Amino acid sequence: MLKTEPVAVSSAEFFARSRARLNFDVPAGLVDPNIIPKSGDQGTDRMLEIIAREQPVRPAAVLIPVVDHPQPTVLLTQRAAHLNEHAGQISFPGGKIDATDASPLDTAMREADEEVGLKREFIEPIGYLDLYGTGFGFRILPTVARVKPGFKLTINQGEVDDAFEVPLQFLMNPANHQIHSKEFRGMERSYYAMPFAERYIWGATAGILRLLYERIYLS
């Protein structure tokens, strides 16, 4: 059983732990449909197996931008309401990996610039988190990064309605990790949700944040 005690979060400790636990090895499951990312939930894992048989793998990458304040924060976006997929949802900067991207890291940094104007000179990449699979066939590889304060964002209204910061300590406190569920083809699929003020953080974003907590503080 996983330990789920609240953690005290400081910038120095978080980044030290991240550097010790993460690297830039790209997992084979990012593009191999025969490798199913494990979620820890049997219903979700079964759903991912079904999706992998029905449609091609869709490799994607996101940036987990941890802003190096004395009390660190995570920069998140709210997707534009008019988008065809995941409209209005809380997300990390990121998207599908293009053939012209040199690496998943390059995808994440390019998308962060395109979506919210977060420039590369403010970003210190630390390493890849574990691969995360979604019910839409996406295989998401998150990059954890230290972001220097002082950046100025330029929101791309075609993709993003808003960008905001959430205290890392809130997101790394398992007391705030709610588990919700819904049916998928007769099976119960559970997912994480982390409501913060008026923001409803859920689905893949909350699931990736839970992976971050487990990798940095439980491994």
C-alpha atoms as a PDB file:
ATOM      1  CA  MET A   1       0.000   0.000   0.000  1.00  0.00           C
ATOM      2  CA  LEU A   2       1.330   3.443  -0.912  1.00  0.00           C
ATOM      3  CA  LYS A   3       2.139   5.906   1.802  1.00  0.00           C
ATOM      4  CA  THR A   4      -0.096   8.938   1.369  1.00  0.00           C
ATOM      5  CA  GLU A   5       0.999  11.366   4.048  1.00  0.00           C
ATOM      6  CA  PRO A   6       1.061  15.106   3.288  1.00  0.00           C
ATOM      7  CA  VAL A   7       4.476  16.390   2.236  1.00  0.00           C
ATOM      8  CA  ALA A   8       6.165  19.680   3.035  1.00  0.00           C
ATOM      9  CA  VAL A   9       7.349  21.172  -0.263  1.00  0.00           C
ATOM     10  CA  SER A  10      10.327  23.481  -0.676  1.00  0.00           C
ATOM     11  CA  SER A  11      11.890  24.482  -3.982  1.00  0.00           C
ATOM     12  CA  ALA A  12      15.342  23.166  -3.111  1.00  0.00           C
ATOM     13  CA  GLU A  13      14.119  19.760  -1.954  1.00  0.00           C
ATOM     14  CA  PHE A  14      11.679  19.291  -4.824  1.00  0.00           C
ATOM     15  CA  PHE A  15      14.246  20.057  -7.513  1.00  0.00           C
ATOM     16  CA  ALA A  16      16.927  17.960  -5.790  1.00  0.00           C
ATOM     17  CA  ARG A  17      14.570  14.984  -5.590  1.00  0.00           C
ATOM     18  CA  SER A  18      13.505  15.477  -9.218  1.00  0.00           C
ATOM     19  CA  ARG A  19      17.085  15.556 -10.486  1.00  0.00           C
ATOM     20  CA  ALA A  20      17.881  12.381  -8.548  1.00  0.00           C
ATOM     21  CA  ARG A  21      14.850  10.456  -9.813  1.00  0.00           C
ATOM     22  CA  LEU A  22      14.297  11.614 -13.408  1.00  0.00           C
ATOM     23  CA  ASN A  23      16.210  11.359 -16.677  1.00  0.00           C
ATOM     24  CA  PHE A  24      15.712  11.891 -20.398  1.00  0.00           C
ATOM     25  CA  ASP A  25      15.369   8.261 -21.487  1.00  0.00           C
ATOM     26  CA  VAL A  26      12.364   8.063 -23.844  1.00  0.00           C
ATOM     27  CA  PRO A  27      10.166   5.045 -22.963  1.00  0.00           C
ATOM     28  CA  ALA A  28       9.401   2.603 -25.777  1.00  0.00           C
ATOM     29  CA  GLY A  29       5.702   2.740 -24.904  1.00  0.00           C
ATOM     30  CA  LEU A  30       5.478   6.264 -26.293  1.00  0.00           C
ATOM     31  CA  VAL A  31       5.120   4.764 -29.785  1.00  0.00           C
ATOM     32  CA  ASP A  32       4.715   0.990 -29.258  1.00  0.00           C
ATOM     33  CA  PRO A  33       1.005  -0.014 -29.101  1.00  0.00           C
ATOM     34  CA  ASN A  34       1.945  -3.331 -27.484  1.00  0.00           C
ATOM     35  CA  ILE A  35       3.218  -1.556 -24.369  1.00  0.00           C
ATOM     36  CA  ILE A  36       0.316  -0.273 -22.275  1.00  0.00           C
ATOM     37  CA  PRO A  37       1.151   2.416 -19.698  1.00  0.00           C
ATOM     38  CA  LYS A  38       0.029   1.242 -16.261  1.00  0.00           C
ATOM     39  CA  SER A  39      -2.264   3.529 -14.284  1.00  0.00           C
ATOM     40  CA  GLY A  40      -2.611   1.453 -11.117  1.00  0.00           C
ATOM     41  CA  ASP A  41      -6.354   1.112 -11.750  1.00  0.00           C
ATOM     42  CA  GLN A  42      -7.527  -2.139 -13.375  1.00  0.00           C
ATOM     43  CA  GLY A  43     -10.530  -0.542 -15.089  1.00  0.00           C
ATOM     44  CA  THR A  44      -8.399   2.212 -16.612  1.00  0.00           C
ATOM     45  CA  ASP A  45      -5.688  -0.240 -17.678  1.00  0.00           C
ATOM     46  CA  ARG A  46      -8.320  -2.372 -19.431  1.00  0.00           C
ATOM     47  CA  MET A  47      -9.699   0.709 -21.171  1.00  0.00           C
ATOM     48  CA  LEU A  48      -6.213   1.603 -22.439  1.00  0.00           C
ATOM     49  CA  GLU A  49      -5.773  -1.921 -23.820  1.00  0.00           C
ATOM     50  CA  ILE A  50      -9.034  -1.578 -25.753  1.00  0.00           C
ATOM     51  CA  ILE A  51      -8.104   1.847 -27.130  1.00  0.00           C
ATOM     52  CA  ALA A  52      -4.646   0.601 -28.201  1.00  0.00           C
ATOM     53  CA  ARG A  53      -6.289  -2.090 -30.356  1.00  0.00           C
ATOM     54  CA  GLU A  54      -8.823   0.256 -31.929  1.00  0.00           C
ATOM     55  CA  GLN A  55      -6.771   3.280 -32.948  1.00  0.00           C
ATOM     56  CA  PRO A  56      -3.163   4.291 -33.558  1.00  0.00           C
ATOM     57  CA  VAL A  57      -1.023   5.495 -30.681  1.00  0.00           C
ATOM     58  CA  ARG A  58      -0.939   9.292 -30.540  1.00  0.00           C
ATOM     59  CA  PRO A  59       2.390  10.384 -28.999  1.00  0.00           C
ATOM     60  CA  ALA A  60       2.238  13.652 -27.084  1.00  0.00           C
ATOM     61  CA  ALA A  61       4.396  15.622 -24.685  1.00  0.00           C
ATOM     62  CA  VAL A  62       3.629  18.182 -22.008  1.00  0.00           C
ATOM     63  CA  LEU A  63       5.659  20.468 -19.777  1.00  0.00           C
ATOM     64  CA  ILE A  64       5.218  20.454 -16.001  1.00  0.00           C
ATOM     65  CA  PRO A  65       6.489  23.990 -15.333  1.00  0.00           C
ATOM     66  CA  VAL A  66       7.387  24.296 -11.633  1.00  0.00           C
ATOM     67  CA  VAL A  67       8.056  27.961 -10.913  1.00  0.00           C
ATOM     68  CA  ASP A  68      10.954  28.438  -8.503  1.00  0.00           C
ATOM     69  CA  HIS A  69       9.312  30.768  -5.999  1.00  0.00           C
ATOM     70  CA  PRO A  70      10.190  30.384  -2.293  1.00  0.00           C
ATOM     71  CA  GLN A  71       6.906  28.463  -2.208  1.00  0.00           C
ATOM     72  CA  PRO A  72       6.957  26.794  -5.645  1.00  0.00           C
ATOM     73  CA  THR A  73       3.963  26.750  -7.959  1.00  0.00           C
ATOM     74  CA  VAL A  74       2.891  24.824 -11.060  1.00  0.00           C
ATOM     75  CA  LEU A  75       1.892  26.805 -14.135  1.00  0.00           C
ATOM     76  CA  LEU A  76      -1.282  25.413 -15.710  1.00  0.00           C
ATOM     77  CA  THR A  77      -3.492  26.473 -18.604  1.00  0.00           C
ATOM     78  CA  GLN A  78      -7.205  26.451 -19.301  1.00  0.00           C
ATOM     79  CA  ARG A  79      -7.828  25.267 -22.821  1.00  0.00           C
ATOM     80  CA  ALA A  80      -9.914  27.461 -25.103  1.00  0.00           C
ATOM     81  CA  ALA A  81     -13.656  26.829 -24.962  1.00  0.00           C
ATOM     82  CA  HIS A  82     -13.993  26.489 -28.751  1.00  0.00           C
ATOM     83  CA  LEU A  83     -11.512  23.603 -29.195  1.00  0.00           C
ATOM     84  CA  ASN A  84     -12.764  20.270 -30.542  1.00  0.00           C
ATOM     85  CA  GLU A  85     -10.929  18.205 -27.907  1.00  0.00           C
ATOM     86  CA  HIS A  86     -10.901  18.829 -24.139  1.00  0.00           C
ATOM     87  CA  ALA A  87     -12.405  22.290 -24.493  1.00  0.00           C
ATOM     88  CA  GLY A  88     -12.191  24.368 -21.321  1.00  0.00           C
ATOM     89  CA  GLN A  89     -10.210  21.750 -19.390  1.00  0.00           C
ATOM     90  CA  ILE A  90      -7.226  22.465 -17.159  1.00  0.00           C
ATOM     91  CA  SER A  91      -4.019  21.275 -18.819  1.00  0.00           C
ATOM     92  CA  PHE A  92      -0.261  21.492 -18.952  1.00  0.00           C
ATOM     93  CA  PRO A  93       1.313  23.287 -21.907  1.00  0.00           C
ATOM     94  CA  GLY A  94       1.857  20.640 -24.562  1.00  0.00           C
ATOM     95  CA  GLY A  95       0.440  18.698 -27.458  1.00  0.00           C
ATOM     96  CA  LYS A  96       1.049  16.118 -30.162  1.00  0.00           C
ATOM     97  CA  ILE A  97       4.651  15.335 -31.077  1.00  0.00           C
ATOM     98  CA  ASP A  98       5.405  16.639 -34.573  1.00  0.00           C
ATOM     99  CA  ALA A  99       7.768  14.884 -36.961  1.00  0.00           C
ATOM    100  CA  THR A 100       9.941  18.014 -36.946  1.00  0.00           C
ATOM    101  CA  ASP A 101      10.400  17.952 -33.150  1.00  0.00           C
ATOM    102  CA  ALA A 102      13.837  16.724 -32.118  1.00  0.00           C
ATOM    103  CA  SER A 103      12.487  15.052 -28.965  1.00  0.00           C
ATOM    104  CA  PRO A 104       9.466  15.006 -26.631  1.00  0.00           C
ATOM    105  CA  LEU A 105      11.283  17.682 -24.629  1.00  0.00           C
ATOM    106  CA  ASP A 106      11.444  19.832 -27.770  1.00  0.00           C
ATOM    107  CA  THR A 107       7.686  19.331 -28.249  1.00  0.00           C
ATOM    108  CA  ALA A 108       6.926  20.397 -24.688  1.00  0.00           C
ATOM    109  CA  MET A 109       9.076  23.518 -24.870  1.00  0.00           C
ATOM    110  CA  ARG A 110       7.768  24.493 -28.312  1.00  0.00           C
ATOM    111  CA  GLU A 111       4.164  24.130 -27.181  1.00  0.00           C
ATOM    112  CA  ALA A 112       4.796  26.140 -23.995  1.00  0.00           C
ATOM    113  CA  ASP A 113       6.073  29.004 -26.152  1.00  0.00           C
ATOM    114  CA  GLU A 114       3.256  28.705 -28.699  1.00  0.00           C
ATOM    115  CA  GLU A 115       0.449  28.431 -26.144  1.00  0.00           C
ATOM    116  CA  VAL A 116       1.431  30.923 -23.445  1.00  0.00           C
ATOM    117  CA  GLY A 117       4.686  32.542 -24.584  1.00  0.00           C
ATOM    118  CA  LEU A 118       6.858  30.848 -21.952  1.00  0.00           C
ATOM    119  CA  LYS A 119      10.346  31.305 -23.428  1.00  0.00           C
ATOM    120  CA  ARG A 120      13.039  28.657 -23.342  1.00  0.00           C
ATOM    121  CA  GLU A 121      15.531  30.865 -21.538  1.00  0.00           C
ATOM    122  CA  PHE A 122      13.335  30.664 -18.435  1.00  0.00           C
ATOM    123  CA  ILE A 123      13.047  26.846 -18.574  1.00  0.00           C
ATOM    124  CA  GLU A 124      15.523  24.384 -17.052  1.00  0.00           C
ATOM    125  CA  PRO A 125      14.396  20.877 -18.063  1.00  0.00           C
ATOM    126  CA  ILE A 126      15.019  18.242 -15.369  1.00  0.00           C
ATOM    127  CA  GLY A 127      13.742  14.975 -16.836  1.00  0.00           C
ATOM    128  CA  TYR A 128      10.823  12.908 -18.059  1.00  0.00           C
ATOM    129  CA  LEU A 129       8.135  11.636 -15.728  1.00  0.00           C
ATOM    130  CA  ASP A 130       6.446   8.262 -16.318  1.00  0.00           C
ATOM    131  CA  LEU A 131       4.411   7.762 -19.495  1.00  0.00           C
ATOM    132  CA  TYR A 132       0.680   8.463 -19.121  1.00  0.00           C
ATOM    133  CA  GLY A 133      -2.011   6.948 -21.375  1.00  0.00           C
ATOM    134  CA  THR A 134      -5.460   8.438 -21.997  1.00  0.00           C
ATOM    135  CA  GLY A 135      -8.778   7.111 -23.235  1.00  0.00           C
ATOM    136  CA  PHE A 136      -8.361   9.093 -26.457  1.00  0.00           C
ATOM    137  CA  GLY A 137      -5.287   7.100 -27.470  1.00  0.00           C
ATOM    138  CA  PHE A 138      -2.736   9.695 -26.423  1.00  0.00           C
ATOM    139  CA  ARG A 139       0.550   8.552 -24.877  1.00  0.00           C
ATOM    140  CA  ILE A 140       1.732  11.595 -22.935  1.00  0.00           C
ATOM    141  CA  LEU A 141       5.349  12.007 -21.848  1.00  0.00           C
ATOM    142  CA  PRO A 142       5.624  14.830 -19.294  1.00  0.00           C
ATOM    143  CA  THR A 143       8.825  16.837 -18.799  1.00  0.00           C
ATOM    144  CA  VAL A 144       9.405  18.221 -15.310  1.00  0.00           C
ATOM    145  CA  ALA A 145      11.120  21.599 -15.498  1.00  0.00           C
ATOM    146  CA  ARG A 146      12.306  24.347 -13.191  1.00  0.00           C
ATOM    147  CA  VAL A 147      11.023  27.725 -14.381  1.00  0.00           C
ATOM    148  CA  LYS A 148      12.797  30.903 -13.325  1.00  0.00           C
ATOM    149  CA  PRO A 149      10.459  33.661 -12.092  1.00  0.00           C
ATOM    150  CA  GLY A 150      10.274  36.892 -14.060  1.00  0.00           C
ATOM    151  CA  PHE A 151       8.728  35.551 -17.259  1.00  0.00           C
ATOM    152  CA  LYS A 152       5.899  37.389 -19.022  1.00  0.00           C
ATOM    153  CA  LEU A 153       3.230  35.295 -20.679  1.00  0.00           C
ATOM    154  CA  THR A 154       1.492  35.970 -23.982  1.00  0.00           C
ATOM    155  CA  ILE A 155      -1.679  33.910 -24.173  1.00  0.00           C
ATOM    156  CA  ASN A 156      -2.510  32.390 -27.563  1.00  0.00           C
ATOM    157  CA  GLN A 157      -6.298  32.821 -27.543  1.00  0.00           C
ATOM    158  CA  GLY A 158      -6.636  30.310 -30.344  1.00  0.00           C
ATOM    159  CA  GLU A 159      -5.555  27.548 -27.962  1.00  0.00           C
ATOM    160  CA  VAL A 160      -5.741  28.828 -24.397  1.00  0.00           C
ATOM    161  CA  ASP A 161      -8.201  30.987 -22.485  1.00  0.00           C
ATOM    162  CA  ASP A 162      -6.092  31.503 -19.368  1.00  0.00           C
ATOM    163  CA  ALA A 163      -2.890  30.550 -17.529  1.00  0.00           C
ATOM    164  CA  PHE A 164      -2.521  30.451 -13.752  1.00  0.00           C
ATOM    165  CA  GLU A 165      -0.323  29.080 -10.975  1.00  0.00           C
ATOM    166  CA  VAL A 166      -1.274  26.589  -8.246  1.00  0.00           C
ATOM    167  CA  PRO A 167       0.899  26.024  -5.150  1.00  0.00           C
ATOM    168  CA  LEU A 168       2.953  22.860  -5.549  1.00  0.00           C
ATOM    169  CA  GLN A 169       2.321  22.041  -1.896  1.00  0.00           C
ATOM    170  CA  PHE A 170      -1.427  21.853  -2.586  1.00  0.00           C
ATOM    171  CA  LEU A 171      -0.908  19.566  -5.570  1.00  0.00           C
ATOM    172  CA  MET A 172       1.559  17.306  -3.721  1.00  0.00           C
ATOM    173  CA  ASN A 173      -0.755  16.847  -0.733  1.00  0.00           C
ATOM    174  CA  PRO A 174      -2.572  13.510  -1.217  1.00  0.00           C
ATOM    175  CA  ALA A 175      -5.414  14.795   0.946  1.00  0.00           C
ATOM    176  CA  ASN A 176      -6.329  16.898  -2.104  1.00  0.00           C
ATOM    177  CA  HIS A 177      -6.261  13.921  -4.505  1.00  0.00           C
ATOM    178  CA  GLN A 178      -9.902  12.981  -4.921  1.00  0.00           C
ATOM    179  CA  ILE A 179     -10.863   9.810  -6.802  1.00  0.00           C
ATOM    180  CA  HIS A 180     -13.924   9.987  -9.042  1.00  0.00           C
ATOM    181  CA  SER A 181     -15.262   7.341 -11.407  1.00  0.00           C
ATOM    182  CA  LYS A 182     -17.447   6.844 -14.452  1.00  0.00           C
ATOM    183  CA  GLU A 183     -18.459   3.956 -16.697  1.00  0.00           C
ATOM    184  CA  PHE A 184     -16.588   3.030 -19.851  1.00  0.00           C
ATOM    185  CA  ARG A 185     -18.160   0.192 -21.891  1.00  0.00           C
ATOM    186  CA  GLY A 186     -19.574  -1.480 -18.831  1.00  0.00           C
ATOM    187  CA  MET A 187     -16.416  -1.047 -16.726  1.00  0.00           C
ATOM    188  CA  GLU A 188     -15.762   1.430 -13.961  1.00  0.00           C
ATOM    189  CA  ARG A 189     -12.914   3.788 -14.771  1.00  0.00           C
ATOM    190  CA  SER A 190     -11.521   5.834 -11.896  1.00  0.00           C
ATOM    191  CA  TYR A 191      -9.617   9.100 -12.278  1.00  0.00           C
ATOM    192  CA  TYR A 192      -8.100  11.763 -10.055  1.00  0.00           C
ATOM    193  CA  ALA A 193      -9.520  15.225  -9.446  1.00  0.00           C
ATOM    194  CA  MET A 194      -7.869  18.078  -7.521  1.00  0.00           C
ATOM    195  CA  PRO A 195     -10.313  21.000  -7.283  1.00  0.00           C
ATOM    196  CA  PHE A 196      -8.524  24.260  -6.433  1.00  0.00           C
ATOM    197  CA  ALA A 197     -10.632  27.365  -5.727  1.00  0.00           C
ATOM    198  CA  GLU A 198     -12.825  27.798  -8.823  1.00  0.00           C
ATOM    199  CA  ARG A 199     -10.574  25.535 -10.935  1.00  0.00           C
ATOM    200  CA  TYR A 200     -11.498  21.885 -11.503  1.00  0.00           C
ATOM    201  CA  ILE A 201      -8.275  19.982 -12.180  1.00  0.00           C
ATOM    202  CA  TRP A 202      -9.101  16.434 -13.269  1.00  0.00           C
ATOM    203  CA  GLY A 203      -8.484  13.658 -15.765  1.00  0.00           C
ATOM    204  CA  ALA A 204      -5.055  13.425 -17.394  1.00  0.00           C
ATOM    205  CA  THR A 205      -3.744  16.585 -15.709  1.00  0.00           C
ATOM    206  CA  ALA A 206      -4.651  15.379 -12.231  1.00  0.00           C
ATOM    207  CA  GLY A 207      -3.417  11.881 -13.086  1.00  0.00           C
ATOM    208  CA  ILE A 208      -0.019  13.222 -14.166  1.00  0.00           C
ATOM    209  CA  LEU A 209       0.207  15.304 -10.986  1.00  0.00           C
ATOM    210  CA  ARG A 210      -0.483  12.152  -8.979  1.00  0.00           C
ATOM    211  CA  LEU A 211       2.321  10.391 -10.908  1.00  0.00           C
ATOM    212  CA  LEU A 212       4.592  13.303 -10.023  1.00  0.00           C
ATOM    213  CA  TYR A 213       3.751  12.921  -6.330  1.00  0.00           C
ATOM    214  CA  GLU A 214       4.373   9.175  -6.401  1.00  0.00           C
ATOM    215  CA  ARG A 215       7.639   9.429  -8.347  1.00  0.00           C
ATOM    216  CA  ILE A 216       9.182  12.305  -6.387  1.00  0.00           C
ATOM    217  CA  TYR A 217       7.923  11.570  -2.875  1.00  0.00           C
ATOM    218  CA  LEU A 218       7.121   7.850  -2.737  1.00  0.00           C
ATOM    219  CA  SER A 219       9.824   6.268  -4.888  1.00  0.00           C
END
